[in-house]
Each structure stands twice: as structure tokens, then as C-alpha cells.
Protein backbone atom coordinates (compact mmCIF):
# COMPACT_ATOMS: atom_id res chain seq x y z
CA MET A 1 -11.99 -7.62 -15.72
CA ALA A 2 -10.59 -10.49 -18.06
CA SER A 3 -11.99 -13.87 -16.76
CA ARG A 4 -11.48 -13.01 -13.24
CA LYS A 5 -14.70 -13.64 -10.89
CA PRO A 6 -15.87 -10.74 -8.93
CA PHE A 7 -15.38 -11.03 -5.24
CA VAL A 8 -17.27 -8.97 -2.59
CA ALA A 9 -15.83 -9.45 0.96
CA GLY A 10 -17.54 -7.84 4.00
CA ASN A 11 -15.12 -7.07 6.87
CA TRP A 12 -17.29 -6.67 10.10
CA LYS A 13 -14.21 -5.58 12.20
CA LEU A 14 -15.20 -5.43 15.96
CA ASN A 15 -18.74 -5.50 15.17
CA GLY A 16 -21.71 -7.77 14.60
CA SER A 17 -23.63 -10.36 16.38
CA VAL A 18 -25.08 -13.84 15.95
CA GLU A 19 -28.47 -12.28 15.23
CA LEU A 20 -27.06 -10.09 12.36
CA LEU A 21 -25.24 -13.22 11.02
CA ASN A 22 -28.33 -15.07 10.99
CA GLU A 23 -30.23 -12.25 9.20
CA MET A 24 -27.46 -11.96 6.68
CA ALA A 25 -26.92 -15.53 5.90
CA SER A 26 -29.93 -16.26 3.62
CA SER A 27 -29.54 -12.96 1.74
CA ILE A 28 -25.88 -13.92 0.87
CA GLU A 29 -26.98 -17.26 -0.27
CA ALA A 30 -29.50 -15.83 -2.50
CA VAL A 31 -27.18 -13.35 -4.11
CA SER A 32 -24.45 -15.91 -4.72
CA ASN A 33 -26.22 -18.97 -5.68
CA ASP A 34 -25.79 -18.27 -9.34
CA GLN A 35 -22.05 -18.61 -8.93
CA SER A 36 -21.41 -15.24 -10.72
CA VAL A 37 -19.85 -13.48 -7.74
CA ASP A 38 -17.97 -14.72 -4.81
CA VAL A 39 -19.18 -13.37 -1.46
CA ALA A 40 -17.54 -13.77 2.07
CA LEU A 41 -17.82 -12.38 5.29
CA PHE A 42 -14.77 -11.70 7.62
CA VAL A 43 -16.44 -11.81 10.94
CA PRO A 44 -15.02 -11.43 14.59
CA ALA A 45 -12.98 -14.58 15.34
CA LEU A 46 -15.68 -15.82 17.98
CA LEU A 47 -18.15 -15.97 14.91
CA VAL A 48 -16.22 -17.95 12.62
CA GLY A 49 -17.64 -21.32 13.52
CA GLU A 50 -21.21 -20.03 13.67
CA SER A 51 -20.69 -18.35 10.21
CA ALA A 52 -19.47 -21.50 8.51
CA LYS A 53 -22.15 -23.51 9.98
CA LEU A 54 -24.61 -21.14 8.21
CA ASP A 55 -22.77 -22.03 4.88
CA VAL A 56 -21.62 -18.38 4.61
CA VAL A 57 -18.04 -18.46 3.08
CA THR A 58 -16.13 -17.17 6.02
CA GLY A 59 -12.88 -15.29 6.63
CA VAL A 60 -10.95 -14.49 9.79
CA GLN A 61 -9.74 -10.86 10.23
CA THR A 62 -6.23 -11.76 11.20
CA VAL A 63 -4.21 -14.82 12.23
CA SER A 64 -1.05 -15.24 14.38
CA GLU A 65 2.21 -15.71 12.70
CA PHE A 66 2.84 -18.52 15.03
CA GLU A 67 1.53 -21.92 14.61
CA SER A 68 0.91 -22.71 18.11
CA GLY A 69 2.33 -22.09 21.72
CA ALA A 70 2.32 -19.72 24.57
CA TYR A 71 0.66 -16.68 22.79
CA THR A 72 -2.37 -15.63 24.89
CA GLY A 73 -5.28 -14.07 22.73
CA GLU A 74 -3.83 -14.91 19.27
CA ILE A 75 -5.79 -16.40 16.52
CA GLN A 76 -4.57 -19.77 15.36
CA ALA A 77 -4.66 -20.15 11.56
CA SER A 78 -5.12 -23.96 11.76
CA LEU A 79 -8.10 -23.68 14.05
CA ALA A 80 -9.75 -21.01 12.07
CA LYS A 81 -9.53 -23.50 9.16
CA GLU A 82 -10.78 -26.43 11.24
CA LEU A 83 -13.88 -24.15 12.34
CA GLY A 84 -14.72 -23.59 8.59
CA ALA A 85 -12.94 -20.36 7.59
CA LYS A 86 -11.70 -20.29 3.97
CA TYR A 87 -10.01 -16.80 3.95
CA ALA A 88 -7.80 -14.79 6.29
CA LEU A 89 -7.19 -11.05 6.13
CA VAL A 90 -3.51 -10.09 6.65
CA GLY A 91 -2.10 -6.79 6.89
CA HIS A 92 -5.42 -4.63 7.18
CA SER A 93 -4.36 -1.05 7.76
CA GLU A 94 -5.84 -1.12 11.11
CA ARG A 95 -3.46 -4.04 12.01
CA ARG A 96 -0.52 -2.20 10.52
CA HIS A 97 -1.14 1.23 12.06
CA ILE A 98 -2.98 0.70 15.39
CA PHE A 99 -1.40 -2.55 16.24
CA GLY A 100 2.07 -1.98 14.67
CA GLU A 101 2.29 -4.85 12.31
CA SER A 102 5.41 -4.54 9.98
CA ASP A 103 5.71 -5.57 6.43
CA ASP A 104 7.72 -8.62 7.64
CA VAL A 105 5.14 -9.64 10.33
CA VAL A 106 2.42 -9.37 7.75
CA ALA A 107 4.35 -11.50 5.34
CA GLN A 108 4.87 -14.16 8.17
CA LYS A 109 1.00 -14.09 8.75
CA PHE A 110 0.48 -14.67 5.13
CA VAL A 111 2.82 -17.58 5.09
CA MET A 112 1.12 -19.12 8.12
CA ALA A 113 -2.34 -18.72 6.67
CA GLN A 114 -1.46 -20.40 3.47
CA GLN A 115 0.50 -23.24 5.17
CA GLN A 116 -2.74 -23.99 7.28
CA GLY A 117 -4.95 -24.02 4.01
CA LEU A 118 -6.48 -20.52 4.26
CA THR A 119 -6.34 -18.09 1.42
CA PRO A 120 -4.76 -15.01 2.43
CA VAL A 121 -6.23 -11.59 1.54
CA LEU A 122 -3.23 -9.41 1.57
CA CYS A 123 -4.13 -5.77 2.26
CA VAL A 124 -1.88 -2.90 1.01
CA GLY A 125 -2.24 0.94 0.85
CA GLU A 126 -0.82 4.15 1.62
CA THR A 127 -1.57 6.82 3.98
CA GLU A 128 -2.65 10.31 3.02
CA GLN A 129 0.78 11.78 3.77
CA GLN A 130 2.44 9.03 1.67
CA ARG A 131 0.20 9.86 -1.23
CA GLU A 132 0.85 13.40 -0.94
CA GLN A 133 4.45 12.68 -1.09
CA ASN A 134 4.05 10.44 -4.33
CA GLU A 135 5.00 7.34 -2.25
CA THR A 136 1.92 5.32 -3.19
CA GLU A 137 3.65 2.90 -5.52
CA SER A 138 6.96 2.53 -3.43
CA VAL A 139 4.87 1.62 -0.17
CA ILE A 140 2.64 -0.84 -1.90
CA SER A 141 5.59 -2.55 -3.65
CA ALA A 142 7.37 -2.87 -0.38
CA GLN A 143 4.21 -4.47 1.13
CA ILE A 144 3.97 -6.97 -1.60
CA ASP A 145 7.76 -7.57 -1.81
CA ALA A 146 7.66 -8.50 1.75
CA VAL A 147 5.58 -11.57 0.74
CA ILE A 148 7.48 -12.22 -2.49
CA ASP A 149 10.81 -12.35 -0.64
CA LYS A 150 9.54 -15.30 1.56
CA LEU A 151 7.56 -17.19 -1.19
CA GLY A 152 8.39 -15.86 -4.51
CA VAL A 153 5.64 -14.50 -6.89
CA ALA A 154 4.13 -18.04 -6.97
CA GLY A 155 3.17 -17.56 -3.37
CA LEU A 156 0.48 -15.09 -4.61
CA GLU A 157 -1.02 -17.84 -6.85
CA GLN A 158 -3.42 -18.87 -4.12
CA SER A 159 -4.18 -15.42 -2.55
CA VAL A 160 -6.21 -12.24 -3.04
CA ILE A 161 -4.87 -8.70 -2.79
CA ALA A 162 -7.04 -5.80 -1.39
CA TYR A 163 -6.01 -2.27 -2.14
CA GLU A 164 -7.19 0.14 0.64
CA PRO A 165 -5.92 3.56 0.74
CA VAL A 166 -5.58 4.30 4.48
CA TRP A 167 -6.96 7.83 3.98
CA ALA A 168 -10.33 6.41 2.58
CA ILE A 169 -11.03 3.81 5.18
CA GLY A 170 -13.85 4.88 7.58
CA THR A 171 -13.41 8.49 6.71
CA GLY A 172 -16.20 8.73 4.05
CA LYS A 173 -13.62 9.72 1.58
CA THR A 174 -13.11 7.39 -1.46
CA ALA A 175 -10.60 7.24 -4.14
CA THR A 176 -12.18 8.26 -7.52
CA PRO A 177 -12.56 5.21 -9.80
CA GLU A 178 -9.74 6.47 -11.87
CA GLN A 179 -7.50 6.85 -8.74
CA ALA A 180 -8.41 3.33 -7.65
CA GLN A 181 -7.90 1.78 -11.13
CA GLN A 182 -4.59 3.43 -11.46
CA VAL A 183 -3.20 1.67 -8.29
CA HIS A 184 -4.97 -1.59 -9.22
CA GLN A 185 -3.27 -1.49 -12.70
CA PHE A 186 0.12 -0.48 -11.06
CA ILE A 187 -0.25 -3.71 -8.75
CA ARG A 188 -1.20 -6.01 -11.83
CA ALA A 189 1.66 -4.70 -13.89
CA LYS A 190 4.15 -5.22 -11.07
CA LEU A 191 3.13 -8.81 -10.81
CA ALA A 192 2.96 -9.28 -14.49
CA SER A 193 6.64 -8.28 -14.77
CA LEU A 194 7.19 -11.36 -12.66
CA ASP A 195 4.62 -13.87 -13.71
CA GLU A 196 1.99 -12.75 -16.30
CA GLN A 197 -0.47 -15.54 -15.75
CA ILE A 198 -0.55 -15.06 -11.90
CA ALA A 199 -1.16 -11.30 -12.54
CA GLN A 200 -3.96 -11.93 -14.85
CA ARG A 201 -5.71 -14.44 -12.70
CA LEU A 202 -5.20 -12.65 -9.30
CA GLN A 203 -8.33 -10.95 -7.82
CA ILE A 204 -7.43 -7.52 -6.76
CA LEU A 205 -10.26 -5.79 -4.59
CA TYR A 206 -10.71 -2.23 -3.65
CA GLY A 207 -11.50 -1.26 -0.03
CA GLY A 208 -11.92 2.37 1.02
CA SER A 209 -15.57 3.53 1.95
CA VAL A 210 -17.24 1.46 -0.89
CA ASN A 211 -21.05 1.74 -0.63
CA GLU A 212 -24.21 0.83 -2.57
CA LYS A 213 -23.88 4.24 -4.33
CA ASN A 214 -20.33 4.22 -5.78
CA SER A 215 -19.83 0.33 -6.07
CA SER A 216 -21.07 -0.07 -9.72
CA GLU A 217 -18.66 2.56 -10.94
CA LEU A 218 -15.79 1.28 -9.02
CA PHE A 219 -16.26 -2.28 -10.04
CA ALA A 220 -16.55 -1.31 -13.62
CA GLN A 221 -12.92 -0.43 -13.80
CA PRO A 222 -10.91 -3.16 -15.78
CA ASP A 223 -8.58 -3.98 -12.97
CA ILE A 224 -10.80 -3.76 -9.97
CA ASP A 225 -12.39 -7.18 -9.23
CA GLY A 226 -14.74 -6.34 -6.42
CA GLY A 227 -14.54 -4.85 -2.87
CA LEU A 228 -13.44 -5.26 0.73
CA ILE A 229 -16.35 -3.70 2.31
CA GLY A 230 -16.43 -2.10 5.87
CA GLY A 231 -19.27 -0.40 7.27
CA ALA A 232 -21.69 -1.11 4.59
CA SER A 233 -21.39 -4.84 5.21
CA LEU A 234 -23.11 -4.41 8.48
CA LYS A 235 -26.35 -3.22 6.70
CA LYS A 236 -27.99 -6.20 4.83
CA ASP A 237 -29.44 -4.11 2.05
CA ALA A 238 -26.49 -2.10 1.38
CA PHE A 239 -24.35 -5.09 1.32
CA ILE A 240 -26.43 -7.24 -0.89
CA SER A 241 -26.90 -4.31 -3.39
CA ILE A 242 -22.98 -3.95 -3.53
CA CYS A 243 -22.76 -7.78 -4.26
CA GLU A 244 -25.41 -7.33 -7.06
CA SER A 245 -23.35 -4.62 -8.61
CA ALA A 246 -20.34 -6.69 -8.83
CA LYS A 247 -22.12 -9.05 -11.31
CA GLY A 248 -21.90 -6.28 -13.74
């Protein structure tokens, strides 16, 4: 994976508790203290401050595209940063497909997160129908181009991309290592055509039913730099095992 540092991010979604967070914190510190792997937890927004206080590298699962104002229930990027968040997920497939976020709205959220000092993790991926119709590359290109149209390729310098095939999230299905690598390679080649250095430095994570049994094989692929982990990130032993496997 060139000189890119592996990164394992746990996405708790609408799960977790203060108790689980306390249980996980010391294990995460132990697995990441040799600096060979970046580890972060994307916790529910109400846990961001608590997570940061425990010295867990913390992300928020979405942010508003609006800086402030009369937007009841939205998550303010600047406040997430103030509470100690380092990262923000933008464009997770559940945000796109359940909550109807368009590529343009996702790009606006990416811009807002970055403006407020958070590192955006841009989630991209295709549905099963889109894959069957050979639209994987065009769908992912459009999702990435929405950001590039606003910021240029330089806007991806301080970011992470997570490829998550929608058909493999929470379904128990996972792309084969070869399928996942093929898409990661496509993403990196697309960016390299615009800026070789950014493409080679950018961490690209795989998210799609990653677990402690398949993580080593996935992470061994040359363009897969770690994982965005869903269900397995709620199980301490499984998540720590995945983090260890990212060290190679």
C-alpha cells in the first residue's frame, strides 16, 4: 500500500452506549499506541464529546451542510470539532439511500466539514442493480466528481475515501478481495489522472461486511488501506482483531 498508513474506522451507526465506549477505549489505545495503524470510532453524535475525552480518535457520522441557523436536529460541524471530533463521514450509503442525500448535498457536507477543520471521509459505492448494469465506475465517478467540481482535486488532499458497495452493507455479503481491489484501483487511477501525488497519498478504505475473518485478505490488496467497519466495530474483540490485521 505504498507508504500509506492503514486506517481502521468503526461506524457505530445508531448503536452503542457510554458503557461500550468505556470498554473499547483502553483496547483501542493499546492497539494503536505503536503508531502503525490509525484507529477511529464514528460514534453517535451524542457520544462525540465523551469519546474524545477518553482520547479515542473520534468521528461524527454526518454533518449539516449549513454552518448554523434554524435547522432543528442537524449536526453542526464546528461544534463537532469543538467537542473533539477529528473526522466526519459524508455520503454514507444509508444517508444517500434512506435520507435521500444527493451527490451535491454530500459534496456540500464535505466542504462544510473541511471548512470547520474536520477531515471528511467520503463514502462512495454502487447498489446491486447498478453493479449488475455495469454502472459501478460511472456511479462512483459522479460521487467523487461532485466534490471535485466544488473544490478541485486539491480538495481531496485532506480527506479519506471509503468504498462501500451498497449491496454488501449489513447483508453479510462482501465483495471478494479482487472485486474490492478492482474498484479501489479504479478510484486511485481516476485521481492519479488529475494529481498523481494526491492519489498515492490518499487513504482509501473498504466498507462492506468487513469482519475479523476476512479483514487480513482484504487489507493485503495493494490499494485497500484499511476498512470502514460496521457491525464488527460494536464487538471489542472482533474490532481489535481487525485493527491488528491492518498492521500487516
